[in-house]
Amino acid sequence: MATRSADPKNVNSTQPIDAVSLAIIEQLQEDGRRPYAAIGKAVGLSEAAVRQRVQKLLDQGVMQIVAVTDPLTVGFRRQAMVGVNVDGDLDPVADALTAMDEVEYVVVTAGSFDLLIEIVCEDDDHLLETINKRIRTLPGVRSTESFVYLKLRKQTYTWGTR
């Protein structure tokens, strides 16, 4: 089994994850606030052993435990997917986008766009400023296409493990 590495520039690096750690991840995907004692009972470990494994998974960057929200409900009125086409090396552009607070994720793709990014902004002016003044002006960015979200219908992180 493999999963993400701690290196944010290469989140597809692989590190072996054993079956017990995968089971712990699945437990936390169902409920990120599930007590370690309950997880331990479900996977056959002590509370202390679960705590140690969770900390190791966090330290390795395999997972994060966060409160997932609908950005629209917490003051961010604009969310968009932006397709980015790049001239030359993708890495400097991907690195610059990764460093922007508004950018939630960056994906290198094969197809119509070189990169897909998701951005979350306070309002239309913030969205326009982010795309027009910050993303389009990055060296190497040839073009962008924006897909503004009108409504979030589904957002889930409970896909389990393999």
N, C-alpha and C. Protein backbone atom coordinates (compact mmCIF):
# COMPACT_ATOMS: atom_id res chain seq x y z
N MET A 1 0.82 -1.18 0.00
CA MET A 1 0.00 0.00 0.00
C MET A 1 0.87 1.24 0.00
N ALA A 2 0.39 2.31 -0.63
CA ALA A 2 1.14 3.55 -0.66
C ALA A 2 0.20 4.72 -0.47
N THR A 3 0.76 5.81 -0.01
CA THR A 3 -0.03 7.01 0.17
C THR A 3 0.87 8.22 0.01
N ARG A 4 0.37 9.39 0.31
CA ARG A 4 1.08 10.63 0.08
C ARG A 4 2.26 10.83 1.03
N SER A 5 3.24 11.56 0.53
CA SER A 5 4.40 11.88 1.37
C SER A 5 4.21 13.24 2.02
N ALA A 6 5.12 13.59 2.92
CA ALA A 6 5.06 14.87 3.61
C ALA A 6 5.54 16.01 2.74
N ASP A 7 6.20 15.72 1.62
CA ASP A 7 6.74 16.77 0.76
C ASP A 7 5.59 17.40 -0.02
N PRO A 8 5.24 18.68 0.26
CA PRO A 8 4.10 19.28 -0.42
C PRO A 8 4.33 19.47 -1.91
N LYS A 9 5.58 19.44 -2.38
CA LYS A 9 5.85 19.58 -3.80
C LYS A 9 5.65 18.26 -4.53
N ASN A 10 5.63 17.16 -3.80
CA ASN A 10 5.52 15.85 -4.42
C ASN A 10 4.59 14.97 -3.59
N VAL A 11 3.32 15.32 -3.58
CA VAL A 11 2.37 14.60 -2.74
C VAL A 11 2.04 13.21 -3.26
N ASN A 12 2.61 12.83 -4.38
CA ASN A 12 2.37 11.49 -4.90
C ASN A 12 3.52 10.54 -4.61
N SER A 13 4.52 10.96 -3.84
CA SER A 13 5.56 10.04 -3.41
C SER A 13 4.91 8.96 -2.58
N THR A 14 5.51 7.79 -2.56
CA THR A 14 4.88 6.68 -1.84
C THR A 14 5.69 6.26 -0.63
N GLN A 15 4.98 5.90 0.39
CA GLN A 15 5.53 5.33 1.60
C GLN A 15 4.61 4.19 1.98
N PRO A 16 5.16 3.06 2.39
CA PRO A 16 4.27 1.93 2.73
C PRO A 16 3.45 2.24 3.98
N ILE A 17 2.19 1.88 3.91
CA ILE A 17 1.26 2.05 5.03
C ILE A 17 0.68 0.67 5.32
N ASP A 18 0.79 0.22 6.57
CA ASP A 18 0.28 -1.11 6.89
C ASP A 18 -1.24 -1.09 7.06
N ALA A 19 -1.81 -2.29 7.12
CA ALA A 19 -3.26 -2.45 7.18
C ALA A 19 -3.87 -1.79 8.41
N VAL A 20 -3.17 -1.83 9.54
CA VAL A 20 -3.71 -1.23 10.77
C VAL A 20 -3.78 0.29 10.63
N SER A 21 -2.74 0.89 10.08
CA SER A 21 -2.76 2.34 9.89
C SER A 21 -3.84 2.74 8.89
N LEU A 22 -4.03 1.93 7.85
CA LEU A 22 -5.11 2.21 6.90
C LEU A 22 -6.47 2.15 7.59
N ALA A 23 -6.64 1.20 8.50
CA ALA A 23 -7.90 1.09 9.24
C ALA A 23 -8.10 2.31 10.14
N ILE A 24 -7.03 2.79 10.75
CA ILE A 24 -7.12 4.01 11.57
C ILE A 24 -7.53 5.19 10.71
N ILE A 25 -6.94 5.32 9.54
CA ILE A 25 -7.30 6.41 8.62
C ILE A 25 -8.78 6.34 8.27
N GLU A 26 -9.28 5.15 7.96
CA GLU A 26 -10.69 5.00 7.62
C GLU A 26 -11.59 5.40 8.78
N GLN A 27 -11.20 5.04 10.00
CA GLN A 27 -11.97 5.42 11.18
C GLN A 27 -12.05 6.95 11.29
N LEU A 28 -10.92 7.62 11.07
CA LEU A 28 -10.88 9.08 11.17
C LEU A 28 -11.59 9.76 9.99
N GLN A 29 -11.61 9.11 8.83
CA GLN A 29 -12.37 9.66 7.71
C GLN A 29 -13.86 9.67 8.02
N GLU A 30 -14.32 8.66 8.73
CA GLU A 30 -15.73 8.61 9.11
C GLU A 30 -16.06 9.67 10.15
N ASP A 31 -15.14 9.88 11.10
CA ASP A 31 -15.36 10.86 12.17
C ASP A 31 -14.00 11.30 12.70
N GLY A 32 -13.56 12.49 12.31
CA GLY A 32 -12.26 13.00 12.72
C GLY A 32 -12.13 13.27 14.21
N ARG A 33 -13.26 13.25 14.93
CA ARG A 33 -13.23 13.47 16.38
C ARG A 33 -13.41 12.17 17.16
N ARG A 34 -13.40 11.05 16.47
CA ARG A 34 -13.56 9.76 17.13
C ARG A 34 -12.44 9.57 18.16
N PRO A 35 -12.79 9.19 19.38
CA PRO A 35 -11.76 9.01 20.42
C PRO A 35 -10.78 7.89 20.06
N TYR A 36 -9.53 8.08 20.45
CA TYR A 36 -8.51 7.07 20.18
C TYR A 36 -8.86 5.72 20.81
N ALA A 37 -9.51 5.74 21.96
CA ALA A 37 -9.91 4.48 22.60
C ALA A 37 -10.90 3.72 21.72
N ALA A 38 -11.85 4.42 21.11
CA ALA A 38 -12.83 3.78 20.22
C ALA A 38 -12.15 3.26 18.96
N ILE A 39 -11.21 4.04 18.43
CA ILE A 39 -10.46 3.59 17.25
C ILE A 39 -9.66 2.34 17.61
N GLY A 40 -9.01 2.38 18.77
CA GLY A 40 -8.22 1.23 19.22
C GLY A 40 -9.04 -0.03 19.30
N LYS A 41 -10.24 0.10 19.85
CA LYS A 41 -11.13 -1.06 19.96
C LYS A 41 -11.49 -1.60 18.58
N ALA A 42 -11.72 -0.70 17.63
CA ALA A 42 -12.11 -1.12 16.28
C ALA A 42 -10.96 -1.77 15.51
N VAL A 43 -9.72 -1.35 15.79
CA VAL A 43 -8.58 -1.87 15.01
C VAL A 43 -7.69 -2.82 15.79
N GLY A 44 -8.01 -3.04 17.08
CA GLY A 44 -7.26 -4.00 17.87
C GLY A 44 -5.96 -3.47 18.47
N LEU A 45 -5.93 -2.18 18.80
CA LEU A 45 -4.75 -1.58 19.43
C LEU A 45 -5.16 -0.85 20.70
N SER A 46 -4.18 -0.54 21.52
CA SER A 46 -4.44 0.28 22.70
C SER A 46 -4.62 1.74 22.28
N GLU A 47 -5.22 2.51 23.17
CA GLU A 47 -5.38 3.94 22.91
C GLU A 47 -4.03 4.60 22.66
N ALA A 48 -3.02 4.26 23.45
CA ALA A 48 -1.68 4.86 23.30
C ALA A 48 -1.07 4.50 21.95
N ALA A 49 -1.24 3.26 21.52
CA ALA A 49 -0.70 2.84 20.23
C ALA A 49 -1.37 3.59 19.08
N VAL A 50 -2.68 3.80 19.18
CA VAL A 50 -3.39 4.57 18.16
C VAL A 50 -2.87 6.00 18.15
N ARG A 51 -2.72 6.59 19.32
CA ARG A 51 -2.22 7.97 19.41
C ARG A 51 -0.86 8.10 18.72
N GLN A 52 0.03 7.14 18.97
CA GLN A 52 1.37 7.16 18.36
C GLN A 52 1.28 7.02 16.84
N ARG A 53 0.44 6.12 16.36
CA ARG A 53 0.30 5.92 14.92
C ARG A 53 -0.30 7.15 14.24
N VAL A 54 -1.31 7.74 14.87
CA VAL A 54 -1.91 8.94 14.30
C VAL A 54 -0.88 10.05 14.22
N GLN A 55 -0.11 10.23 15.27
CA GLN A 55 0.92 11.28 15.25
C GLN A 55 1.94 11.03 14.16
N LYS A 56 2.33 9.78 13.97
CA LYS A 56 3.29 9.45 12.90
C LYS A 56 2.69 9.75 11.53
N LEU A 57 1.42 9.40 11.32
CA LEU A 57 0.75 9.69 10.05
C LEU A 57 0.66 11.19 9.80
N LEU A 58 0.40 11.95 10.85
CA LEU A 58 0.36 13.41 10.73
C LEU A 58 1.75 13.96 10.41
N ASP A 59 2.76 13.51 11.14
CA ASP A 59 4.13 13.98 10.94
C ASP A 59 4.65 13.66 9.54
N GLN A 60 4.25 12.51 8.99
CA GLN A 60 4.68 12.10 7.65
C GLN A 60 3.91 12.81 6.54
N GLY A 61 2.86 13.56 6.90
CA GLY A 61 2.06 14.22 5.90
C GLY A 61 1.10 13.30 5.17
N VAL A 62 0.89 12.11 5.72
CA VAL A 62 -0.02 11.14 5.12
C VAL A 62 -1.46 11.65 5.22
N MET A 63 -1.76 12.33 6.32
CA MET A 63 -3.13 12.83 6.52
C MET A 63 -3.08 14.11 7.34
N GLN A 64 -4.22 14.79 7.35
CA GLN A 64 -4.45 15.95 8.19
C GLN A 64 -5.79 15.74 8.89
N ILE A 65 -5.91 16.28 10.07
CA ILE A 65 -7.21 16.26 10.75
C ILE A 65 -7.65 17.72 10.83
N VAL A 66 -8.70 18.06 10.09
CA VAL A 66 -9.14 19.45 9.98
C VAL A 66 -10.67 19.52 10.00
N ALA A 67 -11.18 20.71 10.26
CA ALA A 67 -12.61 20.96 10.13
C ALA A 67 -12.87 21.35 8.68
N VAL A 68 -13.64 20.55 7.97
CA VAL A 68 -13.97 20.83 6.58
C VAL A 68 -15.26 21.63 6.56
N THR A 69 -15.23 22.77 5.89
CA THR A 69 -16.40 23.63 5.84
C THR A 69 -16.82 23.90 4.41
N ASP A 70 -18.01 24.39 4.24
CA ASP A 70 -18.44 24.98 2.98
C ASP A 70 -17.97 26.43 3.05
N PRO A 71 -17.01 26.84 2.21
CA PRO A 71 -16.47 28.20 2.30
C PRO A 71 -17.54 29.29 2.27
N LEU A 72 -18.63 29.04 1.56
CA LEU A 72 -19.70 30.05 1.48
C LEU A 72 -20.33 30.34 2.84
N THR A 73 -20.31 29.37 3.74
CA THR A 73 -20.94 29.56 5.04
C THR A 73 -20.03 30.23 6.06
N VAL A 74 -18.74 30.39 5.73
CA VAL A 74 -17.80 30.98 6.68
C VAL A 74 -17.14 32.25 6.14
N GLY A 75 -17.86 32.96 5.25
CA GLY A 75 -17.41 34.27 4.82
C GLY A 75 -16.67 34.35 3.51
N PHE A 76 -16.51 33.23 2.81
CA PHE A 76 -15.87 33.26 1.50
C PHE A 76 -16.96 33.09 0.46
N ARG A 77 -17.26 34.15 -0.25
CA ARG A 77 -18.42 34.16 -1.15
C ARG A 77 -18.11 33.67 -2.57
N ARG A 78 -16.83 33.47 -2.90
CA ARG A 78 -16.48 33.03 -4.25
C ARG A 78 -15.48 31.90 -4.20
N GLN A 79 -15.81 30.86 -4.94
CA GLN A 79 -14.94 29.71 -5.09
C GLN A 79 -14.89 29.40 -6.57
N ALA A 80 -13.72 29.02 -7.08
CA ALA A 80 -13.60 28.73 -8.50
C ALA A 80 -12.53 27.68 -8.75
N MET A 81 -12.75 26.92 -9.81
CA MET A 81 -11.73 26.05 -10.36
C MET A 81 -11.12 26.85 -11.51
N VAL A 82 -9.80 26.85 -11.60
CA VAL A 82 -9.13 27.59 -12.66
C VAL A 82 -8.19 26.64 -13.39
N GLY A 83 -8.41 26.54 -14.70
CA GLY A 83 -7.49 25.79 -15.55
C GLY A 83 -6.38 26.72 -15.98
N VAL A 84 -5.15 26.27 -15.89
CA VAL A 84 -3.99 27.10 -16.20
C VAL A 84 -3.14 26.39 -17.26
N ASN A 85 -2.80 27.12 -18.31
CA ASN A 85 -1.86 26.63 -19.31
C ASN A 85 -0.54 27.36 -19.15
N VAL A 86 0.55 26.61 -19.26
CA VAL A 86 1.88 27.11 -18.93
C VAL A 86 2.80 26.92 -20.13
N ASP A 87 3.66 27.90 -20.36
CA ASP A 87 4.75 27.76 -21.32
C ASP A 87 5.98 27.30 -20.55
N GLY A 88 6.60 26.23 -20.99
CA GLY A 88 7.82 25.78 -20.34
C GLY A 88 7.55 24.91 -19.13
N ASP A 89 8.48 24.96 -18.19
CA ASP A 89 8.47 24.12 -16.99
C ASP A 89 7.27 24.44 -16.10
N LEU A 90 6.52 23.43 -15.72
CA LEU A 90 5.34 23.60 -14.86
C LEU A 90 5.72 23.88 -13.41
N ASP A 91 6.85 23.34 -12.96
CA ASP A 91 7.19 23.39 -11.54
C ASP A 91 7.22 24.79 -10.93
N PRO A 92 7.87 25.78 -11.55
CA PRO A 92 7.88 27.11 -10.93
C PRO A 92 6.47 27.72 -10.79
N VAL A 93 5.62 27.48 -11.77
CA VAL A 93 4.26 27.99 -11.71
C VAL A 93 3.47 27.26 -10.63
N ALA A 94 3.59 25.95 -10.60
CA ALA A 94 2.89 25.16 -9.57
C ALA A 94 3.36 25.57 -8.18
N ASP A 95 4.66 25.80 -8.01
CA ASP A 95 5.19 26.23 -6.71
C ASP A 95 4.64 27.59 -6.31
N ALA A 96 4.58 28.53 -7.25
CA ALA A 96 4.06 29.87 -6.96
C ALA A 96 2.58 29.82 -6.59
N LEU A 97 1.82 28.99 -7.30
CA LEU A 97 0.39 28.84 -6.98
C LEU A 97 0.20 28.19 -5.62
N THR A 98 1.01 27.19 -5.33
CA THR A 98 0.93 26.50 -4.04
C THR A 98 1.15 27.47 -2.88
N ALA A 99 1.97 28.47 -3.09
CA ALA A 99 2.29 29.44 -2.03
C ALA A 99 1.18 30.46 -1.78
N MET A 100 0.21 30.57 -2.66
CA MET A 100 -0.88 31.55 -2.51
C MET A 100 -1.91 31.07 -1.50
N ASP A 101 -2.28 31.93 -0.56
CA ASP A 101 -3.27 31.58 0.45
C ASP A 101 -4.62 31.20 -0.15
N GLU A 102 -5.00 31.84 -1.22
CA GLU A 102 -6.32 31.59 -1.83
C GLU A 102 -6.40 30.23 -2.52
N VAL A 103 -5.26 29.65 -2.86
CA VAL A 103 -5.24 28.39 -3.61
C VAL A 103 -5.35 27.22 -2.64
N GLU A 104 -6.40 26.43 -2.81
CA GLU A 104 -6.66 25.28 -1.95
C GLU A 104 -5.94 24.03 -2.41
N TYR A 105 -5.87 23.83 -3.71
CA TYR A 105 -5.08 22.71 -4.21
C TYR A 105 -4.62 22.98 -5.62
N VAL A 106 -3.55 22.30 -5.98
CA VAL A 106 -2.93 22.42 -7.29
C VAL A 106 -2.73 21.00 -7.83
N VAL A 107 -3.21 20.76 -9.04
CA VAL A 107 -3.10 19.44 -9.65
C VAL A 107 -2.45 19.58 -11.02
N VAL A 108 -1.41 18.82 -11.27
CA VAL A 108 -0.80 18.74 -12.61
C VAL A 108 -1.65 17.76 -13.40
N THR A 109 -2.08 18.16 -14.59
CA THR A 109 -3.01 17.34 -15.36
C THR A 109 -2.49 17.05 -16.76
N ALA A 110 -3.12 16.09 -17.40
CA ALA A 110 -2.92 15.81 -18.82
C ALA A 110 -4.25 16.11 -19.47
N GLY A 111 -4.26 16.91 -20.50
CA GLY A 111 -5.51 17.26 -21.15
C GLY A 111 -5.51 18.71 -21.58
N SER A 112 -6.65 19.35 -21.48
CA SER A 112 -6.80 20.73 -21.95
C SER A 112 -5.99 21.74 -21.16
N PHE A 113 -5.69 21.44 -19.89
CA PHE A 113 -4.95 22.35 -19.03
C PHE A 113 -3.72 21.65 -18.48
N ASP A 114 -2.70 22.44 -18.22
CA ASP A 114 -1.49 21.90 -17.59
C ASP A 114 -1.69 21.74 -16.09
N LEU A 115 -2.42 22.68 -15.49
CA LEU A 115 -2.69 22.69 -14.06
C LEU A 115 -4.15 22.99 -13.82
N LEU A 116 -4.73 22.38 -12.81
CA LEU A 116 -6.04 22.77 -12.31
C LEU A 116 -5.83 23.22 -10.88
N ILE A 117 -6.41 24.36 -10.54
CA ILE A 117 -6.31 24.85 -9.17
C ILE A 117 -7.69 25.23 -8.68
N GLU A 118 -7.89 25.09 -7.38
CA GLU A 118 -9.13 25.56 -6.76
C GLU A 118 -8.76 26.75 -5.89
N ILE A 119 -9.53 27.84 -6.05
CA ILE A 119 -9.27 29.02 -5.24
C ILE A 119 -10.53 29.40 -4.47
N VAL A 120 -10.32 29.95 -3.29
CA VAL A 120 -11.41 30.40 -2.42
C VAL A 120 -11.15 31.87 -2.11
N CYS A 121 -12.14 32.73 -2.40
CA CYS A 121 -11.99 34.17 -2.23
C CYS A 121 -13.16 34.76 -1.45
N GLU A 122 -12.93 35.95 -0.91
CA GLU A 122 -13.95 36.61 -0.10
C GLU A 122 -15.14 37.09 -0.93
N ASP A 123 -14.87 37.57 -2.15
CA ASP A 123 -15.93 38.13 -2.99
C ASP A 123 -15.44 38.20 -4.43
N ASP A 124 -16.27 38.76 -5.32
CA ASP A 124 -15.91 38.86 -6.73
C ASP A 124 -14.66 39.70 -6.96
N ASP A 125 -14.52 40.81 -6.23
CA ASP A 125 -13.34 41.66 -6.40
C ASP A 125 -12.07 40.91 -6.02
N HIS A 126 -12.13 40.14 -4.94
CA HIS A 126 -10.99 39.35 -4.50
C HIS A 126 -10.67 38.27 -5.54
N LEU A 127 -11.69 37.64 -6.10
CA LEU A 127 -11.50 36.64 -7.14
C LEU A 127 -10.83 37.25 -8.36
N LEU A 128 -11.34 38.40 -8.81
CA LEU A 128 -10.78 39.08 -9.97
C LEU A 128 -9.32 39.47 -9.73
N GLU A 129 -9.03 40.02 -8.56
CA GLU A 129 -7.67 40.43 -8.22
C GLU A 129 -6.74 39.21 -8.20
N THR A 130 -7.20 38.12 -7.63
CA THR A 130 -6.37 36.91 -7.54
C THR A 130 -6.06 36.35 -8.92
N ILE A 131 -7.06 36.26 -9.76
CA ILE A 131 -6.84 35.70 -11.10
C ILE A 131 -6.06 36.67 -11.98
N ASN A 132 -6.52 37.92 -12.05
CA ASN A 132 -5.98 38.88 -13.00
C ASN A 132 -4.62 39.43 -12.60
N LYS A 133 -4.44 39.75 -11.35
CA LYS A 133 -3.21 40.42 -10.91
C LYS A 133 -2.15 39.46 -10.36
N ARG A 134 -2.56 38.28 -9.90
CA ARG A 134 -1.60 37.38 -9.27
C ARG A 134 -1.33 36.11 -10.06
N ILE A 135 -2.39 35.47 -10.59
CA ILE A 135 -2.19 34.21 -11.32
C ILE A 135 -1.75 34.48 -12.75
N ARG A 136 -2.49 35.31 -13.47
CA ARG A 136 -2.17 35.56 -14.88
C ARG A 136 -0.83 36.26 -15.09
N THR A 137 -0.34 36.94 -14.06
CA THR A 137 0.94 37.65 -14.19
C THR A 137 2.15 36.80 -13.81
N LEU A 138 1.94 35.58 -13.37
CA LEU A 138 3.07 34.70 -13.05
C LEU A 138 3.87 34.39 -14.31
N PRO A 139 5.20 34.47 -14.23
CA PRO A 139 6.01 34.09 -15.38
C PRO A 139 5.72 32.65 -15.79
N GLY A 140 5.46 32.45 -17.07
CA GLY A 140 5.17 31.12 -17.59
C GLY A 140 3.70 30.84 -17.80
N VAL A 141 2.81 31.61 -17.16
CA VAL A 141 1.38 31.38 -17.36
C VAL A 141 0.98 31.93 -18.72
N ARG A 142 0.49 31.05 -19.59
CA ARG A 142 0.06 31.44 -20.93
C ARG A 142 -1.41 31.86 -20.95
N SER A 143 -2.26 31.08 -20.24
CA SER A 143 -3.69 31.39 -20.23
C SER A 143 -4.36 30.74 -19.04
N THR A 144 -5.54 31.25 -18.73
CA THR A 144 -6.35 30.66 -17.66
C THR A 144 -7.80 30.58 -18.14
N GLU A 145 -8.53 29.65 -17.56
CA GLU A 145 -9.98 29.59 -17.76
C GLU A 145 -10.60 29.32 -16.41
N SER A 146 -11.56 30.15 -16.04
CA SER A 146 -12.16 30.08 -14.70
C SER A 146 -13.54 29.45 -14.75
N PHE A 147 -13.82 28.63 -13.75
CA PHE A 147 -15.11 27.99 -13.58
C PHE A 147 -15.60 28.36 -12.18
N VAL A 148 -16.45 29.38 -12.12
CA VAL A 148 -16.92 29.90 -10.83
C VAL A 148 -17.98 28.97 -10.26
N TYR A 149 -17.84 28.63 -8.99
CA TYR A 149 -18.81 27.76 -8.33
C TYR A 149 -20.04 28.59 -7.96
N LEU A 150 -21.20 28.09 -8.30
CA LEU A 150 -22.45 28.74 -7.92
C LEU A 150 -22.99 28.17 -6.61
N LYS A 151 -22.80 26.87 -6.42
CA LYS A 151 -23.28 26.21 -5.21
C LYS A 151 -22.51 24.93 -5.00
N LEU A 152 -22.12 24.68 -3.77
CA LEU A 152 -21.43 23.44 -3.42
C LEU A 152 -22.49 22.39 -3.10
N ARG A 153 -22.55 21.33 -3.89
CA ARG A 153 -23.57 20.30 -3.71
C ARG A 153 -23.04 19.09 -2.95
N LYS A 154 -21.74 18.79 -3.10
CA LYS A 154 -21.18 17.65 -2.39
C LYS A 154 -19.70 17.90 -2.16
N GLN A 155 -19.28 17.61 -0.95
CA GLN A 155 -17.87 17.67 -0.59
C GLN A 155 -17.65 16.61 0.46
N THR A 156 -16.91 15.59 0.11
CA THR A 156 -16.70 14.49 1.04
C THR A 156 -15.27 14.00 0.95
N TYR A 157 -14.78 13.47 2.04
CA TYR A 157 -13.43 12.92 2.10
C TYR A 157 -13.46 11.52 2.69
N THR A 158 -14.53 10.80 2.46
CA THR A 158 -14.70 9.47 3.05
C THR A 158 -14.56 8.38 1.99
N TRP A 159 -13.56 8.49 1.14
CA TRP A 159 -13.38 7.50 0.09
C TRP A 159 -12.68 6.24 0.58
N GLY A 160 -12.25 6.24 1.82
CA GLY A 160 -11.61 5.05 2.37
C GLY A 160 -10.16 4.95 1.95
N THR A 161 -9.60 3.74 2.01
CA THR A 161 -8.21 3.50 1.65
C THR A 161 -8.14 2.28 0.76
N ARG A 162 -7.01 2.09 0.13
CA ARG A 162 -6.80 0.91 -0.72
C ARG A 162 -5.46 0.30 -0.38
